[in-house]
Amino acid sequence: MKKTILILVVALTLLACKNKAKQDNGKLNVVTTTTMITDLVKNIGGDLVNIQGLMGSGVDPHLYKASEGDVTKLVNADIIFYNGLHLEGKLVEVFEKMGSKTKTPIALAEEIDKSTLIGSDYFASNYDPHVWFNIEYFKQFTKKVTSVLSEKNPENASRFSENEKVFLDKLETLQQNVLSTIETLAKEKRILVTAHDAFNYFGKNYSFNVVGLQGLSTATEAGVQDVQKLAAFIIENKVKAIFVESSVPKRTIEALQAAVKSKGHDVVIGGTLYSDALGNTGTLEGTYVGMFEYNVNTIVKALK
């Protein structure tokens, strides 16, 4: 691991000296990690900045490794926005070593009051990093992105602020719509079983008992005992549906479904949820707002 990081850092240093092929159209070059952050920066920066996202639809940030092409993007970036809290575990040390007056890596989760976060022993940060499932946190991300872009590109600060207001209004409407939909589901039916524990902030906000087969990180695989234990839980609580995730292989949830059926009970796969990555570009699920609404509608419909 450390050897890989060292190689990347050396490559970054060499490229910084030699590679001057930066997009030079007078706009800031912004690199983002997860698809949620990419969508956010697009909403605030629009066509005023050059945006390049490292991760695409269906990509698992827990396991993501930088490619040679990513190194070039990072070298040419003026700003790097990433989630933080060790979500992008294999990239964090690279970002930290790149900090300078001209290159600014920003861990957006640093804006959140740590006392409000959910603890986790699985991450070096000791916190659950899936913070985008709390819309209030994503509002804080929005304000930070606007502030950084405005500081780096003051001549367009008013435009960034206008875009911020529009997006915050969308997030406010999203909150209202989500709450309205979830209120149609009885509290005793709010048991969300997924491939891994990406939905704890969602569960905390909307009174769901969230159970993930693989725990918080997909780097830790579920064993036979994990499957059997969760199968017993599903039967005991009469859970109607379980869910696969777009960024996690569905075989784990299929194994769980088979385990439940082997005990003479039935549970359906209620659909695919978007957890660590958005859907395809150009689709409703390819945006943060659309992804959140899609997930909620899918969950409520299946559990009813």
Protein backbone atom coordinates (compact mmCIF):
# COMPACT_ATOMS: atom_id res chain seq x y z
CA MET A 1 0.00 0.00 0.00
CA LYS A 2 2.70 2.51 1.06
CA LYS A 3 4.78 1.56 -1.99
CA THR A 4 1.81 2.31 -4.25
CA ILE A 5 1.30 5.68 -2.59
CA LEU A 6 5.00 6.51 -2.94
CA ILE A 7 4.94 5.66 -6.64
CA LEU A 8 1.89 7.87 -7.15
CA VAL A 9 3.42 10.77 -5.26
CA VAL A 10 6.66 10.52 -7.27
CA ALA A 11 4.64 10.40 -10.48
CA LEU A 12 2.68 13.44 -9.38
CA THR A 13 5.86 15.37 -8.65
CA LEU A 14 7.43 14.52 -12.02
CA LEU A 15 4.28 15.29 -13.95
CA ALA A 16 3.86 18.56 -12.11
CA CYS A 17 7.25 19.62 -13.44
CA LYS A 18 6.85 18.29 -16.98
CA ASN A 19 3.18 18.25 -17.84
CA LYS A 20 1.86 21.66 -18.77
CA ALA A 21 -1.07 20.37 -20.83
CA LYS A 22 -3.59 21.87 -18.43
CA GLN A 23 -6.91 22.93 -19.98
CA ASP A 24 -6.16 26.61 -20.39
CA ASN A 25 -9.48 28.26 -21.20
CA GLY A 26 -9.44 30.64 -18.27
CA LYS A 27 -11.50 28.30 -16.11
CA LEU A 28 -10.60 26.50 -12.90
CA ASN A 29 -9.72 22.83 -13.31
CA VAL A 30 -11.67 20.91 -10.68
CA VAL A 31 -11.28 17.19 -9.96
CA THR A 32 -13.85 15.32 -7.88
CA THR A 33 -13.91 11.79 -6.51
CA THR A 34 -17.39 10.32 -6.00
CA THR A 35 -20.28 10.84 -8.40
CA MET A 36 -22.29 12.63 -5.70
CA ILE A 37 -19.60 15.27 -5.34
CA THR A 38 -19.19 15.54 -9.11
CA ASP A 39 -22.90 16.27 -9.47
CA LEU A 40 -22.74 18.85 -6.69
CA VAL A 41 -19.83 20.73 -8.27
CA LYS A 42 -21.59 20.68 -11.64
CA ASN A 43 -24.62 22.31 -10.03
CA ILE A 44 -22.53 25.08 -8.46
CA GLY A 45 -19.78 25.52 -11.05
CA GLY A 46 -21.79 24.83 -14.19
CA ASP A 47 -19.94 25.85 -17.34
CA LEU A 48 -17.76 28.25 -15.36
CA VAL A 49 -15.29 25.50 -14.39
CA ASN A 50 -13.70 22.44 -15.98
CA ILE A 51 -14.91 19.42 -14.00
CA GLN A 52 -13.44 15.92 -14.16
CA GLY A 53 -14.76 13.16 -11.93
CA LEU A 54 -12.48 10.24 -11.08
CA MET A 55 -15.25 7.75 -10.34
CA GLY A 56 -18.16 6.80 -12.56
CA SER A 57 -21.52 5.13 -12.10
CA GLY A 58 -21.36 1.86 -10.17
CA VAL A 59 -17.83 2.49 -8.89
CA ASP A 60 -17.09 1.52 -5.28
CA PRO A 61 -15.04 4.32 -3.63
CA HIS A 62 -13.93 2.00 -0.80
CA LEU A 63 -11.86 -0.07 -3.23
CA TYR A 64 -10.98 2.56 -5.84
CA LYS A 65 -7.37 2.86 -6.99
CA ALA A 66 -6.02 5.77 -9.01
CA SER A 67 -5.07 5.05 -12.62
CA GLU A 68 -2.35 6.78 -14.65
CA GLY A 69 -5.03 8.93 -16.24
CA ASP A 70 -6.23 9.96 -12.79
CA VAL A 71 -2.72 11.06 -11.84
CA THR A 72 -2.65 13.42 -14.82
CA LYS A 73 -6.04 14.85 -13.82
CA LEU A 74 -4.84 15.40 -10.27
CA VAL A 75 -1.66 17.11 -11.41
CA ASN A 76 -3.61 19.50 -13.62
CA ALA A 77 -6.23 20.29 -10.98
CA ASP A 78 -6.54 23.64 -9.25
CA ILE A 79 -8.99 22.17 -6.72
CA ILE A 80 -9.71 18.59 -5.65
CA PHE A 81 -13.00 17.95 -3.87
CA TYR A 82 -13.32 14.66 -2.05
CA ASN A 83 -15.60 13.18 0.63
CA GLY A 84 -13.06 12.46 3.35
CA LEU A 85 -13.56 10.38 6.53
CA HIS A 86 -11.46 7.77 4.70
CA LEU A 87 -14.21 6.88 2.23
CA GLU A 88 -11.57 7.11 -0.52
CA GLY A 89 -9.08 5.23 1.65
CA LYS A 90 -6.55 4.45 -1.08
CA LEU A 91 -6.43 8.06 -2.28
CA VAL A 92 -6.37 10.05 0.96
CA GLU A 93 -2.59 10.06 1.52
CA VAL A 94 -2.05 11.13 -2.09
CA PHE A 95 -4.41 14.10 -1.61
CA GLU A 96 -2.77 15.10 1.64
CA LYS A 97 0.70 15.12 0.04
CA MET A 98 -0.57 17.28 -2.84
CA GLY A 99 -1.65 20.24 -0.73
CA SER A 100 -0.02 23.52 -1.74
CA LYS A 101 -0.80 27.15 -2.36
CA THR A 102 -1.69 26.39 -5.97
CA LYS A 103 -3.39 23.01 -5.51
CA THR A 104 -6.15 22.63 -2.92
CA PRO A 105 -7.51 19.22 -1.87
CA ILE A 106 -10.75 19.78 0.05
CA ALA A 107 -12.26 17.04 2.26
CA LEU A 108 -15.88 18.19 2.34
CA ALA A 109 -16.82 16.07 5.35
CA GLU A 110 -14.47 18.21 7.44
CA GLU A 111 -17.29 20.79 7.46
CA ILE A 112 -19.49 18.52 9.57
CA ASP A 113 -19.65 18.76 13.36
CA LYS A 114 -17.96 15.50 14.40
CA SER A 115 -20.22 15.16 17.45
CA THR A 116 -23.18 14.57 15.10
CA LEU A 117 -21.49 11.81 13.06
CA ILE A 118 -22.08 8.08 13.47
CA GLY A 119 -19.06 6.31 14.94
CA SER A 120 -17.30 3.45 13.17
CA ASP A 121 -14.33 1.25 14.04
CA TYR A 122 -14.00 0.20 10.38
CA PHE A 123 -12.47 3.49 9.20
CA ALA A 124 -9.32 5.31 10.26
CA SER A 125 -11.46 8.42 10.82
CA ASN A 126 -13.58 6.45 13.34
CA TYR A 127 -16.72 7.72 11.61
CA ASP A 128 -19.20 6.34 9.10
CA PRO A 129 -18.27 8.21 5.89
CA HIS A 130 -21.60 7.78 4.02
CA VAL A 131 -22.67 11.28 5.03
CA TRP A 132 -24.43 12.22 1.76
CA PHE A 133 -27.50 10.33 2.97
CA ASN A 134 -28.09 13.18 5.39
CA ILE A 135 -29.40 16.01 3.22
CA GLU A 136 -28.46 18.61 5.83
CA TYR A 137 -24.84 17.49 5.52
CA PHE A 138 -25.06 17.79 1.75
CA LYS A 139 -26.25 21.36 2.19
CA GLN A 140 -23.04 22.00 4.12
CA PHE A 141 -21.07 20.45 1.26
CA THR A 142 -22.87 22.81 -1.12
CA LYS A 143 -21.94 25.89 0.88
CA LYS A 144 -18.30 24.80 1.14
CA VAL A 145 -17.99 24.14 -2.61
CA THR A 146 -19.48 27.58 -3.32
CA SER A 147 -17.08 29.23 -0.88
CA VAL A 148 -13.98 27.54 -2.33
CA LEU A 149 -14.93 28.22 -5.95
CA SER A 150 -15.69 31.87 -5.11
CA GLU A 151 -12.37 32.29 -3.32
CA LYS A 152 -10.42 30.77 -6.23
CA ASN A 153 -12.44 32.53 -8.93
CA PRO A 154 -13.80 35.78 -7.38
CA GLU A 155 -14.90 37.27 -10.71
CA ASN A 156 -17.59 34.58 -10.91
CA ALA A 157 -18.50 34.58 -7.22
CA SER A 158 -21.96 36.06 -7.84
CA ARG A 159 -22.75 33.35 -10.39
CA PHE A 160 -21.63 30.64 -8.00
CA SER A 161 -23.84 32.14 -5.29
CA GLU A 162 -26.83 32.19 -7.64
CA ASN A 163 -26.27 28.53 -8.50
CA GLU A 164 -25.91 27.73 -4.81
CA LYS A 165 -29.31 29.25 -4.02
CA VAL A 166 -30.98 27.26 -6.80
CA PHE A 167 -29.42 23.99 -5.64
CA LEU A 168 -30.18 24.59 -1.95
CA ASP A 169 -33.81 25.19 -2.93
CA LYS A 170 -33.77 21.82 -4.73
CA LEU A 171 -32.36 20.14 -1.62
CA GLU A 172 -35.05 21.74 0.53
CA THR A 173 -37.77 20.45 -1.80
CA LEU A 174 -36.09 17.03 -1.79
CA GLN A 175 -36.24 16.92 2.01
CA GLN A 176 -39.94 17.66 1.99
CA ASN A 177 -40.72 15.10 -0.73
CA VAL A 178 -38.68 12.38 0.96
CA LEU A 179 -40.35 12.92 4.32
CA SER A 180 -43.80 12.92 2.73
CA THR A 181 -43.13 9.61 0.96
CA ILE A 182 -41.59 7.89 3.98
CA GLU A 183 -44.49 8.90 6.21
CA THR A 184 -46.71 6.61 4.11
CA LEU A 185 -44.72 3.62 5.42
CA ALA A 186 -45.59 2.33 8.89
CA LYS A 187 -42.69 2.57 11.35
CA GLU A 188 -42.78 -1.16 12.13
CA LYS A 189 -42.05 -1.84 8.46
CA ARG A 190 -39.02 0.44 8.32
CA ILE A 191 -36.36 -2.26 8.26
CA LEU A 192 -33.81 -1.72 5.50
CA VAL A 193 -31.60 -4.72 4.63
CA THR A 194 -28.89 -3.97 2.05
CA ALA A 195 -25.55 -5.31 0.81
CA HIS A 196 -23.52 -3.08 3.15
CA ASP A 197 -24.17 -0.43 5.79
CA ALA A 198 -24.23 2.66 3.58
CA PHE A 199 -27.62 3.89 4.83
CA ASN A 200 -27.08 4.54 8.55
CA TYR A 201 -27.50 8.31 8.24
CA PHE A 202 -30.64 7.73 6.19
CA GLY A 203 -31.90 5.36 8.88
CA LYS A 204 -31.10 7.79 11.68
CA ASN A 205 -33.04 10.61 9.99
CA TYR A 206 -36.09 8.61 8.95
CA SER A 207 -36.43 6.02 11.73
CA PHE A 208 -35.26 2.97 9.75
CA ASN A 209 -33.54 -0.02 11.31
CA VAL A 210 -30.67 -0.42 8.83
CA VAL A 211 -28.87 -3.76 8.53
CA GLY A 212 -26.03 -4.31 6.05
CA LEU A 213 -24.75 -7.75 5.18
CA GLN A 214 -21.12 -6.61 4.71
CA GLY A 215 -20.93 -3.92 7.35
CA LEU A 216 -19.75 -0.37 6.64
CA SER A 217 -16.99 -1.17 4.19
CA THR A 218 -17.26 -3.40 1.13
CA ALA A 219 -13.61 -4.30 1.70
CA THR A 220 -14.87 -6.69 4.38
CA GLU A 221 -16.72 -9.63 2.84
CA ALA A 222 -19.65 -11.36 4.51
CA GLY A 223 -19.14 -14.93 5.70
CA VAL A 224 -21.54 -17.86 5.96
CA GLN A 225 -22.33 -17.04 9.58
CA ASP A 226 -23.15 -13.43 8.64
CA VAL A 227 -25.59 -14.66 6.01
CA GLN A 228 -27.26 -17.14 8.35
CA LYS A 229 -27.55 -14.61 11.17
CA LEU A 230 -29.15 -12.01 8.92
CA ALA A 231 -31.48 -14.63 7.40
CA ALA A 232 -32.74 -15.42 10.91
CA PHE A 233 -33.25 -11.71 11.56
CA ILE A 234 -35.29 -11.32 8.35
CA ILE A 235 -37.53 -14.24 9.28
CA GLU A 236 -38.00 -13.10 12.87
CA ASN A 237 -38.93 -9.56 11.81
CA LYS A 238 -41.01 -10.63 8.79
CA VAL A 239 -39.03 -8.41 6.45
CA LYS A 240 -40.74 -8.39 3.04
CA ALA A 241 -37.89 -7.16 0.86
CA ILE A 242 -34.11 -6.82 0.76
CA PHE A 243 -32.06 -4.68 -1.60
CA VAL A 244 -29.00 -4.95 -3.80
CA GLU A 245 -26.72 -1.96 -4.41
CA SER A 246 -25.45 -0.69 -7.75
CA SER A 247 -21.82 -0.53 -6.56
CA VAL A 248 -21.76 -3.92 -4.79
CA PRO A 249 -21.98 -7.35 -6.52
CA LYS A 250 -25.53 -8.68 -6.10
CA ARG A 251 -24.40 -12.23 -5.35
CA THR A 252 -24.21 -11.46 -1.61
CA ILE A 253 -27.87 -10.45 -1.43
CA GLU A 254 -28.87 -13.37 -3.65
CA ALA A 255 -27.09 -15.69 -1.20
CA LEU A 256 -29.04 -14.08 1.64
CA GLN A 257 -32.33 -14.57 -0.21
CA ALA A 258 -31.45 -18.23 -0.80
CA ALA A 259 -30.64 -18.68 2.90
CA VAL A 260 -34.05 -17.33 3.87
CA LYS A 261 -35.80 -19.62 1.37
CA SER A 262 -33.85 -22.64 2.64
CA LYS A 263 -35.54 -22.11 5.99
CA GLY A 264 -39.00 -22.25 4.44
CA HIS A 265 -39.61 -18.50 4.26
CA ASP A 266 -39.67 -16.00 1.43
CA VAL A 267 -38.16 -12.57 0.91
CA VAL A 268 -38.08 -10.68 -2.38
CA ILE A 269 -35.32 -8.50 -3.79
CA GLY A 270 -37.04 -5.14 -3.71
CA GLY A 271 -34.80 -3.49 -6.27
CA THR A 272 -31.39 -1.89 -6.71
CA LEU A 273 -30.42 1.05 -4.53
CA TYR A 274 -27.74 3.62 -5.30
CA SER A 275 -25.43 3.81 -2.31
CA ASP A 276 -21.79 4.73 -2.98
CA ALA A 277 -22.35 5.94 -6.55
CA LEU A 278 -25.06 7.59 -8.62
CA GLY A 279 -26.72 6.04 -11.66
CA ASN A 280 -25.72 6.56 -15.28
CA THR A 281 -25.17 10.09 -16.54
CA GLY A 282 -28.27 11.46 -18.23
CA THR A 283 -30.71 9.48 -16.08
CA LEU A 284 -32.77 10.63 -13.10
CA GLU A 285 -30.63 8.45 -10.83
CA GLY A 286 -27.52 10.07 -12.30
CA THR A 287 -28.12 13.15 -10.13
CA TYR A 288 -27.97 13.45 -6.35
CA VAL A 289 -31.57 14.64 -6.05
CA GLY A 290 -32.85 12.02 -8.48
CA MET A 291 -30.88 9.24 -6.79
CA PHE A 292 -32.27 10.10 -3.38
CA GLU A 293 -35.88 10.22 -4.62
CA TYR A 294 -35.44 6.98 -6.57
CA ASN A 295 -34.02 5.18 -3.52
CA VAL A 296 -36.84 6.34 -1.25
CA ASN A 297 -39.56 5.42 -3.74
CA THR A 298 -37.99 1.99 -4.30
CA ILE A 299 -37.65 1.29 -0.58
CA VAL A 300 -41.16 2.40 0.39
CA LYS A 301 -42.83 0.59 -2.50
CA ALA A 302 -41.06 -2.71 -1.73
CA LEU A 303 -41.58 -2.61 2.05
CA LYS A 304 -45.25 -1.72 1.89
